[in-house]
Amino acid sequence: MSVYTSVSEDELSTWLGHYSVGSLVSCEPIKAGIENSNYFITTSQGRYVLTLFERLPAEELPFYVNLMAHLARHGIPCPAPIADLSDQYLQRLNGKPAALVTRLAGQSVERPGRPECAELGALLARMHLAARSYAAYLENPRGPRWWRFAARECSSFLDVQKRSLLENELAFQAAHRFPDLPRGPVHADLFRDNALFESGRICGVVDFYFAGVDTFLYDVAVCVNDWCLRDPSRKLELDASRTGALLGAYHAVRPFGAAEREAWPIMLRAAALRFWLSRLYDFHLPRPGVMVHAHDPEHFREILELRAGGDAAWMA
């Protein structure tokens, strides 16, 4: 959630006049993330998050904001979009599509243990069950089609060994498709910094702007590759205890089928490939911004190599 588009207090005060949220008290840019411009907004009536969408196609934006509204109505602790005085969730600010959503309490957990991983697993399963009744469709925007595009764009920046890894993994994934696995709208980016905890419970899931329709198992793999590492800064193998806690709690709410168990090692690799590619793309082809936060692509390159080497045991 970097800042590419600046917004002055006067501009924001005028824009907030389209909403029934009170007058502006403060505005603070959010530094984390890489896709959109985000601000913490405090008004005389509450706390909100303002997002200006920098490159998401305008026709896709209703999918994201309506998905959040749908999940919030079903008891999932996610930001609820605020409708303007014309009952619309999307407005424009400084030439960009923009949305205002509720700001949730809680803090992310840098080093989750078994209890936090179990809490996430159960919440993720509930979210998948609730999402099944969401009728809108948007293909995962960072799925296989985008992988191929990003690989073409980034290949020239890689040495021979890394280029070979990328080409081999793309070919491997192309040979392993799972059209019959349970699927529906997924978060697709539920890293540790996108889950907020309070008193040991998840009280918020944020940043749905990579959401799309994909297999539920892919969403689980994205989480495991971030939440269940032995040491996120040094040892990127899966920790059996935390992996088992996450998968076991998920399974208790939405049981995994035999086909999902068989696909699990491949899905872990797919999730690692996706984030290696996106980090390569943002690192080597950055956009200019007032405040830009890019992640090291080597982190997920190492995770991909480990998962491809067999670090993918089913623990549930």
Protein backbone atom coordinates (compact mmCIF):
# COMPACT_ATOMS: atom_id res chain seq x y z
CA MET A 1 0.00 0.00 0.00
CA SER A 2 2.45 2.63 -1.21
CA VAL A 3 1.66 6.25 -2.08
CA TYR A 4 1.85 7.23 -5.75
CA THR A 5 -0.80 9.97 -5.76
CA SER A 6 -0.59 12.79 -3.22
CA VAL A 7 -3.77 14.19 -1.70
CA SER A 8 -3.86 17.48 0.17
CA GLU A 9 -6.08 18.08 3.19
CA ASP A 10 -8.14 20.61 1.23
CA GLU A 11 -8.68 18.13 -1.62
CA LEU A 12 -9.62 15.41 0.80
CA SER A 13 -12.00 17.62 2.79
CA THR A 14 -13.83 18.54 -0.40
CA TRP A 15 -13.98 14.88 -1.49
CA LEU A 16 -15.33 13.74 1.87
CA GLY A 17 -18.28 16.04 1.26
CA HIS A 18 -19.64 13.25 -0.97
CA TYR A 19 -19.97 11.06 2.16
CA SER A 20 -21.81 11.25 5.44
CA VAL A 21 -18.72 10.60 7.58
CA GLY A 22 -18.17 13.96 9.24
CA SER A 23 -15.36 16.46 8.77
CA LEU A 24 -11.68 15.64 8.25
CA VAL A 25 -9.53 15.50 11.39
CA SER A 26 -6.31 13.92 10.07
CA CYS A 27 -4.81 12.14 7.05
CA GLU A 28 -1.76 9.84 7.22
CA PRO A 29 -0.14 8.12 4.20
CA ILE A 30 0.38 4.35 4.55
CA LYS A 31 3.87 3.15 3.61
CA ALA A 32 3.45 -0.64 3.37
CA GLY A 33 2.56 -2.47 0.14
CA ILE A 34 3.20 -1.73 -3.51
CA GLU A 35 0.02 -1.47 -5.60
CA ASN A 36 -2.22 1.46 -4.62
CA SER A 37 -2.06 4.79 -2.80
CA ASN A 38 -3.49 4.45 0.71
CA TYR A 39 -4.18 6.80 3.59
CA PHE A 40 -5.46 6.44 7.13
CA ILE A 41 -8.31 8.93 7.47
CA THR A 42 -9.77 10.16 10.75
CA THR A 43 -12.96 12.21 10.70
CA SER A 44 -15.22 13.62 13.36
CA GLN A 45 -17.27 10.41 13.09
CA GLY A 46 -14.73 7.59 12.76
CA ARG A 47 -11.58 6.05 11.30
CA TYR A 48 -11.30 4.91 7.70
CA VAL A 49 -8.85 3.84 5.01
CA LEU A 50 -8.81 5.70 1.70
CA THR A 51 -7.51 3.82 -1.34
CA LEU A 52 -6.72 5.40 -4.71
CA PHE A 53 -6.45 2.69 -7.33
CA GLU A 54 -3.35 3.27 -9.42
CA ARG A 55 -3.47 0.57 -12.10
CA LEU A 56 -6.38 -1.78 -11.49
CA PRO A 57 -8.80 -1.59 -14.43
CA ALA A 58 -11.87 0.44 -13.54
CA GLU A 59 -14.19 -2.34 -14.70
CA GLU A 60 -12.64 -4.73 -12.15
CA LEU A 61 -13.00 -2.49 -9.10
CA PRO A 62 -16.65 -3.36 -8.32
CA PHE A 63 -15.57 -7.00 -7.90
CA TYR A 64 -13.26 -6.09 -5.03
CA VAL A 65 -15.40 -3.61 -3.14
CA ASN A 66 -18.57 -5.66 -3.51
CA LEU A 67 -16.70 -8.78 -2.35
CA MET A 68 -15.65 -6.97 0.83
CA ALA A 69 -19.22 -5.81 1.38
CA HIS A 70 -20.48 -9.38 0.80
CA LEU A 71 -18.00 -10.91 3.25
CA ALA A 72 -18.67 -8.25 5.88
CA ARG A 73 -22.40 -9.01 5.67
CA HIS A 74 -21.56 -12.68 6.27
CA GLY A 75 -19.63 -11.98 9.46
CA ILE A 76 -16.10 -12.02 8.06
CA PRO A 77 -14.00 -9.31 9.75
CA CYS A 78 -12.96 -7.37 6.67
CA PRO A 79 -13.18 -3.67 5.78
CA ALA A 80 -16.71 -2.59 4.92
CA PRO A 81 -16.90 -0.16 1.98
CA ILE A 82 -18.61 3.16 2.75
CA ALA A 83 -21.27 4.23 0.25
CA ASP A 84 -21.36 7.89 -0.79
CA LEU A 85 -24.47 10.04 -0.77
CA SER A 86 -25.45 8.54 -4.15
CA ASP A 87 -25.16 5.02 -2.66
CA GLN A 88 -22.00 4.24 -4.65
CA TYR A 89 -18.88 2.61 -3.24
CA LEU A 90 -16.52 4.08 -5.86
CA GLN A 91 -15.76 7.76 -6.44
CA ARG A 92 -12.88 9.61 -8.13
CA LEU A 93 -10.18 11.65 -6.41
CA ASN A 94 -7.35 13.48 -8.19
CA GLY A 95 -8.16 11.61 -11.39
CA LYS A 96 -8.04 8.16 -9.79
CA PRO A 97 -10.85 5.77 -8.79
CA ALA A 98 -11.09 5.82 -5.02
CA ALA A 99 -12.88 4.00 -2.22
CA LEU A 100 -13.38 4.64 1.47
CA VAL A 101 -13.61 1.63 3.82
CA THR A 102 -13.79 1.14 7.56
CA ARG A 103 -10.47 0.97 9.42
CA LEU A 104 -10.23 -2.14 11.56
CA ALA A 105 -8.64 -2.46 14.98
CA GLY A 106 -5.79 -4.81 15.83
CA GLN A 107 -2.18 -5.41 14.84
CA SER A 108 -0.46 -7.86 12.55
CA VAL A 109 1.75 -10.56 14.09
CA GLU A 110 5.30 -10.79 12.78
CA ARG A 111 6.08 -14.22 14.24
CA PRO A 112 2.85 -16.24 14.43
CA GLY A 113 2.82 -19.41 16.51
CA ARG A 114 0.51 -22.41 16.45
CA PRO A 115 -2.47 -20.51 17.95
CA GLU A 116 -2.27 -17.70 15.39
CA CYS A 117 -1.87 -20.15 12.51
CA ALA A 118 -4.86 -22.14 13.70
CA GLU A 119 -6.88 -18.94 14.03
CA LEU A 120 -5.98 -18.02 10.45
CA GLY A 121 -6.83 -21.47 9.11
CA ALA A 122 -10.31 -21.41 10.61
CA LEU A 123 -10.96 -17.84 9.45
CA LEU A 124 -9.76 -18.62 5.92
CA ALA A 125 -12.11 -21.61 5.69
CA ARG A 126 -15.06 -19.50 6.90
CA MET A 127 -14.17 -16.84 4.37
CA HIS A 128 -14.12 -19.40 1.54
CA LEU A 129 -17.50 -20.77 2.57
CA ALA A 130 -18.98 -17.27 2.71
CA ALA A 131 -17.46 -16.34 -0.66
CA ARG A 132 -19.16 -19.22 -2.45
CA SER A 133 -22.43 -17.25 -2.58
CA TYR A 134 -20.76 -14.21 -4.16
CA ALA A 135 -22.01 -14.21 -7.75
CA ALA A 136 -19.53 -11.88 -9.48
CA TYR A 137 -16.62 -13.42 -11.40
CA LEU A 138 -13.07 -12.18 -11.95
CA GLU A 139 -10.28 -14.53 -12.89
CA ASN A 140 -7.31 -14.41 -10.51
CA PRO A 141 -5.44 -11.35 -11.87
CA ARG A 142 -2.09 -12.87 -10.87
CA GLY A 143 -2.82 -16.32 -12.26
CA PRO A 144 -1.05 -18.33 -14.99
CA ARG A 145 -1.82 -15.84 -17.76
CA TRP A 146 -0.09 -13.08 -15.80
CA TRP A 147 2.80 -15.40 -14.88
CA ARG A 148 3.65 -15.79 -18.55
CA PHE A 149 3.47 -12.03 -19.13
CA ALA A 150 5.65 -11.23 -16.11
CA ALA A 151 8.17 -13.92 -17.06
CA ARG A 152 8.62 -12.37 -20.52
CA GLU A 153 9.11 -8.94 -18.97
CA CYS A 154 11.59 -10.06 -16.30
CA SER A 155 13.57 -12.79 -18.05
CA SER A 156 16.32 -10.44 -19.26
CA PHE A 157 17.11 -9.43 -15.67
CA LEU A 158 17.88 -13.01 -14.58
CA ASP A 159 21.09 -14.99 -14.79
CA VAL A 160 21.15 -18.34 -16.56
CA GLN A 161 20.38 -20.39 -13.44
CA LYS A 162 17.41 -18.30 -12.34
CA ARG A 163 16.05 -18.10 -15.88
CA SER A 164 16.20 -21.88 -16.08
CA LEU A 165 14.35 -22.19 -12.76
CA LEU A 166 11.65 -19.86 -14.02
CA GLU A 167 11.22 -21.59 -17.37
CA ASN A 168 11.15 -25.05 -15.80
CA GLU A 169 8.58 -24.06 -13.20
CA LEU A 170 6.32 -22.41 -15.77
CA ALA A 171 6.43 -25.59 -17.83
CA PHE A 172 5.75 -27.72 -14.75
CA GLN A 173 2.75 -25.63 -13.74
CA ALA A 174 1.39 -25.63 -17.31
CA ALA A 175 1.37 -29.43 -17.14
CA HIS A 176 -0.55 -29.44 -13.85
CA ARG A 177 -3.96 -27.79 -13.97
CA PHE A 178 -6.72 -28.55 -11.50
CA PRO A 179 -10.06 -27.42 -12.98
CA ASP A 180 -12.06 -29.72 -10.72
CA LEU A 181 -10.78 -28.51 -7.34
CA PRO A 182 -13.19 -26.50 -5.17
CA ARG A 183 -12.96 -22.86 -6.18
CA GLY A 184 -14.47 -19.46 -5.70
CA PRO A 185 -13.41 -15.91 -4.78
CA VAL A 186 -10.11 -15.98 -2.84
CA HIS A 187 -8.07 -13.29 -1.10
CA ALA A 188 -4.85 -14.46 -2.83
CA ASP A 189 -2.58 -12.19 -0.74
CA LEU A 190 -3.31 -13.03 2.89
CA PHE A 191 0.19 -12.53 4.25
CA ARG A 192 0.89 -11.86 7.92
CA ASP A 193 0.61 -8.09 7.47
CA ASN A 194 -2.89 -8.44 6.03
CA ALA A 195 -4.39 -10.08 9.14
CA LEU A 196 -5.03 -8.05 12.29
CA PHE A 197 -5.12 -9.67 15.74
CA GLU A 198 -6.54 -8.53 19.06
CA SER A 199 -6.43 -10.67 22.22
CA GLY A 200 -5.33 -13.69 20.18
CA ARG A 201 -8.21 -13.51 17.71
CA ILE A 202 -8.25 -12.27 14.13
CA CYS A 203 -10.31 -9.08 14.12
CA GLY A 204 -9.51 -7.99 10.59
CA VAL A 205 -8.49 -9.24 7.14
CA VAL A 206 -7.45 -6.40 4.83
CA ASP A 207 -6.16 -5.62 1.31
CA PHE A 208 -8.48 -7.55 -1.00
CA TYR A 209 -7.17 -5.91 -4.17
CA PHE A 210 -5.50 -9.07 -5.51
CA ALA A 211 -8.66 -11.12 -5.01
CA GLY A 212 -10.11 -13.23 -7.80
CA VAL A 213 -11.66 -16.59 -8.52
CA ASP A 214 -9.23 -19.48 -8.10
CA THR A 215 -8.99 -22.75 -6.21
CA PHE A 216 -9.42 -22.44 -2.47
CA LEU A 217 -6.32 -24.62 -2.06
CA TYR A 218 -4.22 -21.96 -3.82
CA ASP A 219 -5.33 -19.43 -1.20
CA VAL A 220 -4.30 -21.84 1.55
CA ALA A 221 -0.89 -22.34 -0.09
CA VAL A 222 -0.30 -18.57 -0.26
CA CYS A 223 -0.90 -18.38 3.49
CA VAL A 224 1.25 -21.39 4.40
CA ASN A 225 4.19 -20.05 2.36
CA ASP A 226 4.19 -16.91 4.49
CA TRP A 227 2.78 -17.90 7.89
CA CYS A 228 4.45 -21.27 8.45
CA LEU A 229 8.14 -20.72 7.71
CA ARG A 230 10.68 -21.91 10.27
CA ASP A 231 12.19 -18.41 10.26
CA PRO A 232 10.92 -15.82 7.74
CA SER A 233 14.27 -14.04 7.64
CA ARG A 234 16.61 -17.05 7.37
CA LYS A 235 15.06 -20.52 7.29
CA LEU A 236 12.31 -20.76 4.70
CA GLU A 237 11.46 -24.44 5.15
CA LEU A 238 7.95 -25.17 6.41
CA ASP A 239 7.53 -25.54 10.16
CA ALA A 240 5.58 -28.78 10.64
CA SER A 241 3.81 -27.68 13.82
CA ARG A 242 2.46 -24.39 12.51
CA THR A 243 1.62 -25.85 9.10
CA GLY A 244 -0.32 -28.63 10.80
CA ALA A 245 -2.16 -26.12 13.00
CA LEU A 246 -3.22 -23.99 10.03
CA LEU A 247 -4.28 -26.90 7.82
CA GLY A 248 -5.97 -28.75 10.65
CA ALA A 249 -8.07 -25.74 11.68
CA TYR A 250 -9.04 -25.10 8.08
CA HIS A 251 -9.94 -28.77 7.54
CA ALA A 252 -12.22 -28.72 10.59
CA VAL A 253 -14.35 -26.00 8.96
CA ARG A 254 -14.08 -26.92 5.26
CA PRO A 255 -12.67 -30.44 4.89
CA PHE A 256 -10.04 -31.00 2.22
CA GLY A 257 -10.85 -33.60 -0.42
CA ALA A 258 -8.56 -36.32 -1.77
CA ALA A 259 -7.86 -34.32 -4.95
CA GLU A 260 -6.76 -31.33 -2.88
CA ARG A 261 -4.37 -33.47 -0.87
CA GLU A 262 -2.83 -34.76 -4.09
CA ALA A 263 -2.49 -31.26 -5.52
CA TRP A 264 -1.01 -29.70 -2.37
CA PRO A 265 2.73 -29.88 -3.22
CA ILE A 266 2.08 -28.43 -6.67
CA MET A 267 -0.08 -25.63 -5.28
CA LEU A 268 2.63 -24.61 -2.82
CA ARG A 269 4.97 -24.26 -5.79
CA ALA A 270 2.37 -22.26 -7.74
CA ALA A 271 1.95 -19.83 -4.86
CA ALA A 272 5.73 -19.40 -4.55
CA LEU A 273 6.08 -18.84 -8.30
CA ARG A 274 3.40 -16.16 -8.31
CA PHE A 275 5.11 -14.08 -5.63
CA TRP A 276 8.60 -14.56 -7.01
CA LEU A 277 7.35 -13.20 -10.33
CA SER A 278 5.45 -10.28 -8.84
CA ARG A 279 8.43 -9.26 -6.75
CA LEU A 280 10.75 -9.58 -9.73
CA TYR A 281 8.41 -7.40 -11.75
CA ASP A 282 8.08 -4.69 -9.10
CA PHE A 283 11.80 -4.74 -8.29
CA HIS A 284 13.09 -4.47 -11.86
CA LEU A 285 10.23 -2.48 -13.40
CA PRO A 286 9.18 -0.09 -10.63
CA ARG A 287 6.74 2.75 -11.03
CA PRO A 288 7.65 6.24 -9.81
CA GLY A 289 5.90 7.13 -6.57
CA VAL A 290 6.04 9.49 -3.65
CA MET A 291 6.55 6.58 -1.28
CA VAL A 292 7.28 3.16 -2.76
CA HIS A 293 7.90 -0.11 -0.91
CA ALA A 294 9.30 -3.03 -2.95
CA HIS A 295 10.03 -6.52 -1.63
CA ASP A 296 13.14 -8.63 -2.24
CA PRO A 297 12.36 -11.21 -4.96
CA GLU A 298 15.06 -13.59 -3.68
CA HIS A 299 12.88 -14.52 -0.71
CA PHE A 300 10.32 -16.28 -2.89
CA ARG A 301 12.90 -17.61 -5.31
CA GLU A 302 14.37 -19.54 -2.38
CA ILE A 303 10.91 -20.68 -1.26
CA LEU A 304 10.14 -21.95 -4.77
CA GLU A 305 13.38 -23.94 -4.87
CA LEU A 306 12.62 -25.49 -1.48
CA ARG A 307 9.04 -26.43 -2.41
CA ALA A 308 10.15 -27.83 -5.77
CA GLY A 309 12.72 -29.88 -3.87
CA GLY A 310 10.04 -31.61 -1.83
CA ASP A 311 9.41 -29.33 1.16
CA ALA A 312 5.65 -29.75 0.89
CA ALA A 313 4.51 -32.50 3.23
CA TRP A 314 0.80 -32.70 3.99
CA MET A 315 0.49 -32.07 7.73
CA ALA A 316 -3.27 -32.00 8.40
